[in-house]
Amino acid sequence: MLLAILLPFLSFIVRGKVLTGIICLILQITLIGWLPAAIWAVLSLNSERADKRNDKLIKAMRKNQK
């Protein structure tokens, strides 16, 4: 989470989203763009974590149905 706030572009690149990381870096280069880039990275990270959590719950529910 700290990486997403301090270096938003790097948090995308570490997660394998290179093109998104480059776009974020371009946005982040400007001082005004730093805040939107950080918010975008944090929201993206939270969304990815929620998706993984939901997938895990769906797999558990399917396993219990059998």
PDB file of N, CA and C in Angstrom:
ATOM      1  N   MET A   1       0.836  -1.185   0.000  1.00  0.00           N
ATOM      2  CA  MET A   1       0.000   0.000   0.000  1.00  0.00           C
ATOM      3  C   MET A   1       0.886   1.256   0.000  1.00  0.00           C
ATOM      4  N   LEU A   2       1.950   1.221   0.777  1.00  0.00           N
ATOM      5  CA  LEU A   2       2.852   2.370   0.848  1.00  0.00           C
ATOM      6  C   LEU A   2       3.507   2.635  -0.514  1.00  0.00           C
ATOM      7  N   LEU A   3       3.836   1.554  -1.211  1.00  0.00           N
ATOM      8  CA  LEU A   3       4.425   1.692  -2.542  1.00  0.00           C
ATOM      9  C   LEU A   3       3.436   2.359  -3.503  1.00  0.00           C
ATOM     10  N   ALA A   4       2.164   2.027  -3.379  1.00  0.00           N
ATOM     11  CA  ALA A   4       1.141   2.622  -4.250  1.00  0.00           C
ATOM     12  C   ALA A   4       0.988   4.117  -3.992  1.00  0.00           C
ATOM     13  N   ILE A   5       1.258   4.549  -2.778  1.00  0.00           N
ATOM     14  CA  ILE A   5       1.133   5.967  -2.452  1.00  0.00           C
ATOM     15  C   ILE A   5       2.397   6.743  -2.841  1.00  0.00           C
ATOM     16  N   LEU A   6       3.565   6.189  -2.517  1.00  0.00           N
ATOM     17  CA  LEU A   6       4.811   6.903  -2.769  1.00  0.00           C
ATOM     18  C   LEU A   6       5.267   6.830  -4.224  1.00  0.00           C
ATOM     19  N   LEU A   7       5.167   5.656  -4.827  1.00  0.00           N
ATOM     20  CA  LEU A   7       5.594   5.451  -6.217  1.00  0.00           C
ATOM     21  C   LEU A   7       4.484   4.705  -6.964  1.00  0.00           C
ATOM     22  N   PRO A   8       3.418   5.412  -7.301  1.00  0.00           N
ATOM     23  CA  PRO A   8       2.265   4.754  -7.918  1.00  0.00           C
ATOM     24  C   PRO A   8       2.600   3.950  -9.173  1.00  0.00           C
ATOM     25  N   PHE A   9       3.458   4.484 -10.030  1.00  0.00           N
ATOM     26  CA  PHE A   9       3.775   3.777 -11.264  1.00  0.00           C
ATOM     27  C   PHE A   9       4.457   2.449 -10.984  1.00  0.00           C
ATOM     28  N   LEU A  10       5.282   2.409  -9.951  1.00  0.00           N
ATOM     29  CA  LEU A  10       6.021   1.197  -9.624  1.00  0.00           C
ATOM     30  C   LEU A  10       5.093   0.109  -9.081  1.00  0.00           C
ATOM     31  N   SER A  11       4.037   0.501  -8.388  1.00  0.00           N
ATOM     32  CA  SER A  11       3.095  -0.505  -7.884  1.00  0.00           C
ATOM     33  C   SER A  11       2.397  -1.219  -9.039  1.00  0.00           C
ATOM     34  N   PHE A  12       2.133  -0.505 -10.144  1.00  0.00           N
ATOM     35  CA  PHE A  12       1.537  -1.152 -11.315  1.00  0.00           C
ATOM     36  C   PHE A  12       2.535  -2.092 -11.977  1.00  0.00           C
ATOM     37  N   ILE A  13       3.763  -1.641 -12.123  1.00  0.00           N
ATOM     38  CA  ILE A  13       4.784  -2.434 -12.795  1.00  0.00           C
ATOM     39  C   ILE A  13       5.087  -3.708 -12.010  1.00  0.00           C
ATOM     40  N   VAL A  14       5.138  -3.622 -10.693  1.00  0.00           N
ATOM     41  CA  VAL A  14       5.405  -4.789  -9.858  1.00  0.00           C
ATOM     42  C   VAL A  14       4.296  -5.833 -10.008  1.00  0.00           C
ATOM     43  N   ARG A  15       3.066  -5.376 -10.224  1.00  0.00           N
ATOM     44  CA  ARG A  15       1.933  -6.296 -10.390  1.00  0.00           C
ATOM     45  C   ARG A  15       1.780  -6.784 -11.820  1.00  0.00           C
ATOM     46  N   GLY A  16       2.706  -6.413 -12.701  1.00  0.00           N
ATOM     47  CA  GLY A  16       2.699  -6.914 -14.064  1.00  0.00           C
ATOM     48  C   GLY A  16       1.913  -6.078 -15.051  1.00  0.00           C
ATOM     49  N   LYS A  17       1.499  -4.900 -14.654  1.00  0.00           N
ATOM     50  CA  LYS A  17       0.746  -4.015 -15.540  1.00  0.00           C
ATOM     51  C   LYS A  17       1.678  -2.918 -16.033  1.00  0.00           C
ATOM     52  N   VAL A  18       2.546  -3.287 -16.982  1.00  0.00           N
ATOM     53  CA  VAL A  18       3.616  -2.394 -17.431  1.00  0.00           C
ATOM     54  C   VAL A  18       3.063  -1.175 -18.167  1.00  0.00           C
ATOM     55  N   LEU A  19       2.145  -1.390 -19.102  1.00  0.00           N
ATOM     56  CA  LEU A  19       1.593  -0.270 -19.864  1.00  0.00           C
ATOM     57  C   LEU A  19       0.856   0.708 -18.941  1.00  0.00           C
ATOM     58  N   THR A  20       0.089   0.179 -18.012  1.00  0.00           N
ATOM     59  CA  THR A  20      -0.600   1.033 -17.044  1.00  0.00           C
ATOM     60  C   THR A  20       0.406   1.782 -16.182  1.00  0.00           C
ATOM     61  N   GLY A  21       1.497   1.119 -15.827  1.00  0.00           N
ATOM     62  CA  GLY A  21       2.550   1.770 -15.052  1.00  0.00           C
ATOM     63  C   GLY A  21       3.193   2.924 -15.800  1.00  0.00           C
ATOM     64  N   ILE A  22       3.397   2.760 -17.104  1.00  0.00           N
ATOM     65  CA  ILE A  22       3.988   3.836 -17.909  1.00  0.00           C
ATOM     66  C   ILE A  22       3.026   5.017 -18.001  1.00  0.00           C
ATOM     67  N   ILE A  23       1.747   4.727 -18.211  1.00  0.00           N
ATOM     68  CA  ILE A  23       0.743   5.803 -18.261  1.00  0.00           C
ATOM     69  C   ILE A  23       0.690   6.528 -16.925  1.00  0.00           C
ATOM     70  N   CYS A  24       0.746   5.773 -15.841  1.00  0.00           N
ATOM     71  CA  CYS A  24       0.736   6.370 -14.510  1.00  0.00           C
ATOM     72  C   CYS A  24       1.984   7.222 -14.284  1.00  0.00           C
ATOM     73  N   LEU A  25       3.126   6.769 -14.771  1.00  0.00           N
ATOM     74  CA  LEU A  25       4.365   7.539 -14.632  1.00  0.00           C
ATOM     75  C   LEU A  25       4.253   8.868 -15.362  1.00  0.00           C
ATOM     76  N   ILE A  26       3.673   8.851 -16.549  1.00  0.00           N
ATOM     77  CA  ILE A  26       3.494  10.098 -17.296  1.00  0.00           C
ATOM     78  C   ILE A  26       2.605  11.058 -16.511  1.00  0.00           C
ATOM     79  N   LEU A  27       1.544  10.534 -15.921  1.00  0.00           N
ATOM     80  CA  LEU A  27       0.658  11.362 -15.101  1.00  0.00           C
ATOM     81  C   LEU A  27       1.390  11.851 -13.853  1.00  0.00           C
ATOM     82  N   GLN A  28       2.186  10.984 -13.282  1.00  0.00           N
ATOM     83  CA  GLN A  28       2.863  11.278 -12.024  1.00  0.00           C
ATOM     84  C   GLN A  28       3.992  12.290 -12.172  1.00  0.00           C
ATOM     85  N   ILE A  29       4.544  12.447 -13.357  1.00  0.00           N
ATOM     86  CA  ILE A  29       5.666  13.367 -13.575  1.00  0.00           C
ATOM     87  C   ILE A  29       5.296  14.795 -13.174  1.00  0.00           C
ATOM     88  N   THR A  30       4.068  15.191 -13.430  1.00  0.00           N
ATOM     89  CA  THR A  30       3.646  16.530 -13.036  1.00  0.00           C
ATOM     90  C   THR A  30       3.310  16.526 -11.547  1.00  0.00           C
ATOM     91  N   LEU A  31       3.565  17.589 -10.894  1.00  0.00           N
ATOM     92  CA  LEU A  31       3.292  17.681  -9.458  1.00  0.00           C
ATOM     93  C   LEU A  31       1.796  17.577  -9.187  1.00  0.00           C
ATOM     94  N   ILE A  32       0.985  18.172 -10.049  1.00  0.00           N
ATOM     95  CA  ILE A  32      -0.464  18.130  -9.879  1.00  0.00           C
ATOM     96  C   ILE A  32      -0.990  16.713 -10.127  1.00  0.00           C
ATOM     97  N   GLY A  33      -0.334  15.960 -11.014  1.00  0.00           N
ATOM     98  CA  GLY A  33      -0.776  14.616 -11.351  1.00  0.00           C
ATOM     99  C   GLY A  33      -0.412  13.562 -10.336  1.00  0.00           C
ATOM    100  N   TRP A  34       0.437  13.907  -9.385  1.00  0.00           N
ATOM    101  CA  TRP A  34       0.888  12.924  -8.394  1.00  0.00           C
ATOM    102  C   TRP A  34      -0.285  12.409  -7.549  1.00  0.00           C
ATOM    103  N   LEU A  35      -1.127  13.281  -7.091  1.00  0.00           N
ATOM    104  CA  LEU A  35      -2.252  12.870  -6.247  1.00  0.00           C
ATOM    105  C   LEU A  35      -3.226  11.956  -7.001  1.00  0.00           C
ATOM    106  N   PRO A  36      -3.666  12.318  -8.211  1.00  0.00           N
ATOM    107  CA  PRO A  36      -4.536  11.385  -8.936  1.00  0.00           C
ATOM    108  C   PRO A  36      -3.861  10.044  -9.234  1.00  0.00           C
ATOM    109  N   ALA A  37      -2.559  10.064  -9.522  1.00  0.00           N
ATOM    110  CA  ALA A  37      -1.832   8.816  -9.791  1.00  0.00           C
ATOM    111  C   ALA A  37      -1.796   7.946  -8.538  1.00  0.00           C
ATOM    112  N   ALA A  38      -1.565   8.539  -7.386  1.00  0.00           N
ATOM    113  CA  ALA A  38      -1.531   7.785  -6.139  1.00  0.00           C
ATOM    114  C   ALA A  38      -2.910   7.214  -5.813  1.00  0.00           C
ATOM    115  N   ILE A  39      -3.945   8.006  -6.014  1.00  0.00           N
ATOM    116  CA  ILE A  39      -5.305   7.531  -5.755  1.00  0.00           C
ATOM    117  C   ILE A  39      -5.648   6.384  -6.708  1.00  0.00           C
ATOM    118  N   TRP A  40      -5.287   6.530  -7.967  1.00  0.00           N
ATOM    119  CA  TRP A  40      -5.539   5.496  -8.963  1.00  0.00           C
ATOM    120  C   TRP A  40      -4.835   4.195  -8.576  1.00  0.00           C
ATOM    121  N   ALA A  41      -3.588   4.275  -8.142  1.00  0.00           N
ATOM    122  CA  ALA A  41      -2.827   3.083  -7.766  1.00  0.00           C
ATOM    123  C   ALA A  41      -3.436   2.408  -6.540  1.00  0.00           C
ATOM    124  N   VAL A  42      -3.844   3.179  -5.560  1.00  0.00           N
ATOM    125  CA  VAL A  42      -4.433   2.605  -4.346  1.00  0.00           C
ATOM    126  C   VAL A  42      -5.772   1.935  -4.664  1.00  0.00           C
ATOM    127  N   LEU A  43      -6.603   2.596  -5.459  1.00  0.00           N
ATOM    128  CA  LEU A  43      -7.897   2.009  -5.828  1.00  0.00           C
ATOM    129  C   LEU A  43      -7.711   0.736  -6.649  1.00  0.00           C
ATOM    130  N   SER A  44      -6.746   0.742  -7.539  1.00  0.00           N
ATOM    131  CA  SER A  44      -6.459  -0.437  -8.344  1.00  0.00           C
ATOM    132  C   SER A  44      -5.982  -1.596  -7.477  1.00  0.00           C
ATOM    133  N   LEU A  45      -5.138  -1.302  -6.516  1.00  0.00           N
ATOM    134  CA  LEU A  45      -4.639  -2.326  -5.608  1.00  0.00           C
ATOM    135  C   LEU A  45      -5.771  -2.911  -4.772  1.00  0.00           C
ATOM    136  N   ASN A  46      -6.638  -2.061  -4.243  1.00  0.00           N
ATOM    137  CA  ASN A  46      -7.772  -2.535  -3.463  1.00  0.00           C
ATOM    138  C   ASN A  46      -8.724  -3.372  -4.306  1.00  0.00           C
ATOM    139  N   SER A  47      -8.940  -2.975  -5.541  1.00  0.00           N
ATOM    140  CA  SER A  47      -9.813  -3.722  -6.444  1.00  0.00           C
ATOM    141  C   SER A  47      -9.237  -5.104  -6.746  1.00  0.00           C
ATOM    142  N   GLU A  48      -7.946  -5.158  -6.964  1.00  0.00           N
ATOM    143  CA  GLU A  48      -7.296  -6.443  -7.244  1.00  0.00           C
ATOM    144  C   GLU A  48      -7.384  -7.369  -6.037  1.00  0.00           C
ATOM    145  N   ARG A  49      -7.188  -6.829  -4.865  1.00  0.00           N
ATOM    146  CA  ARG A  49      -7.308  -7.638  -3.642  1.00  0.00           C
ATOM    147  C   ARG A  49      -8.726  -8.145  -3.452  1.00  0.00           C
ATOM    148  N   ALA A  50      -9.722  -7.311  -3.744  1.00  0.00           N
ATOM    149  CA  ALA A  50     -11.124  -7.723  -3.618  1.00  0.00           C
ATOM    150  C   ALA A  50     -11.453  -8.815  -4.632  1.00  0.00           C
ATOM    151  N   ASP A  51     -10.925  -8.701  -5.843  1.00  0.00           N
ATOM    152  CA  ASP A  51     -11.159  -9.729  -6.857  1.00  0.00           C
ATOM    153  C   ASP A  51     -10.588 -11.077  -6.416  1.00  0.00           C
ATOM    154  N   LYS A  52      -9.401 -11.065  -5.857  1.00  0.00           N
ATOM    155  CA  LYS A  52      -8.790 -12.311  -5.369  1.00  0.00           C
ATOM    156  C   LYS A  52      -9.604 -12.906  -4.227  1.00  0.00           C
ATOM    157  N   ARG A  53     -10.083 -12.042  -3.339  1.00  0.00           N
ATOM    158  CA  ARG A  53     -10.890 -12.496  -2.214  1.00  0.00           C
ATOM    159  C   ARG A  53     -12.195 -13.118  -2.717  1.00  0.00           C
ATOM    160  N   ASN A  54     -12.828 -12.481  -3.695  1.00  0.00           N
ATOM    161  CA  ASN A  54     -14.073 -13.007  -4.254  1.00  0.00           C
ATOM    162  C   ASN A  54     -13.858 -14.335  -4.969  1.00  0.00           C
ATOM    163  N   ASP A  55     -12.774 -14.454  -5.716  1.00  0.00           N
ATOM    164  CA  ASP A  55     -12.473 -15.712  -6.387  1.00  0.00           C
ATOM    165  C   ASP A  55     -12.281 -16.841  -5.380  1.00  0.00           C
ATOM    166  N   LYS A  56     -11.623 -16.535  -4.289  1.00  0.00           N
ATOM    167  CA  LYS A  56     -11.397 -17.530  -3.247  1.00  0.00           C
ATOM    168  C   LYS A  56     -12.721 -17.970  -2.616  1.00  0.00           C
ATOM    169  N   LEU A  57     -13.623 -17.018  -2.380  1.00  0.00           N
ATOM    170  CA  LEU A  57     -14.931 -17.350  -1.823  1.00  0.00           C
ATOM    171  C   LEU A  57     -15.768 -18.182  -2.785  1.00  0.00           C
ATOM    172  N   ILE A  58     -15.720 -17.844  -4.064  1.00  0.00           N
ATOM    173  CA  ILE A  58     -16.477 -18.598  -5.067  1.00  0.00           C
ATOM    174  C   ILE A  58     -15.973 -20.036  -5.155  1.00  0.00           C
ATOM    175  N   LYS A  59     -14.665 -20.219  -5.134  1.00  0.00           N
ATOM    176  CA  LYS A  59     -14.102 -21.562  -5.162  1.00  0.00           C
ATOM    177  C   LYS A  59     -14.520 -22.364  -3.935  1.00  0.00           C
ATOM    178  N   ALA A  60     -14.539 -21.727  -2.773  1.00  0.00           N
ATOM    179  CA  ALA A  60     -14.954 -22.407  -1.547  1.00  0.00           C
ATOM    180  C   ALA A  60     -16.422 -22.794  -1.594  1.00  0.00           C
ATOM    181  N   MET A  61     -17.254 -21.912  -2.142  1.00  0.00           N
ATOM    182  CA  MET A  61     -18.680 -22.214  -2.252  1.00  0.00           C
ATOM    183  C   MET A  61     -18.929 -23.368  -3.225  1.00  0.00           C
ATOM    184  N   ARG A  62     -18.214 -23.374  -4.336  1.00  0.00           N
ATOM    185  CA  ARG A  62     -18.371 -24.465  -5.316  1.00  0.00           C
ATOM    186  C   ARG A  62     -17.898 -25.795  -4.736  1.00  0.00           C
ATOM    187  N   LYS A  63     -16.855 -25.742  -3.945  1.00  0.00           N
ATOM    188  CA  LYS A  63     -16.320 -26.958  -3.326  1.00  0.00           C
ATOM    189  C   LYS A  63     -17.334 -27.515  -2.329  1.00  0.00           C
ATOM    190  N   ASN A  64     -18.016 -26.644  -1.594  1.00  0.00           N
ATOM    191  CA  ASN A  64     -18.991 -27.095  -0.600  1.00  0.00           C
ATOM    192  C   ASN A  64     -20.272 -27.607  -1.235  1.00  0.00           C
ATOM    193  N   GLN A  65     -20.582 -27.221  -2.468  1.00  0.00           N
ATOM    194  CA  GLN A  65     -21.786 -27.688  -3.138  1.00  0.00           C
ATOM    195  C   GLN A  65     -21.667 -29.125  -3.574  1.00  0.00           C
ATOM    196  N   LYS A  66     -20.476 -29.589  -3.832  1.00  0.00           N
ATOM    197  CA  LYS A  66     -20.261 -30.960  -4.331  1.00  0.00           C
ATOM    198  C   LYS A  66     -20.312 -31.970  -3.246  1.00  0.00           C
TER     199      LYS A  66
END
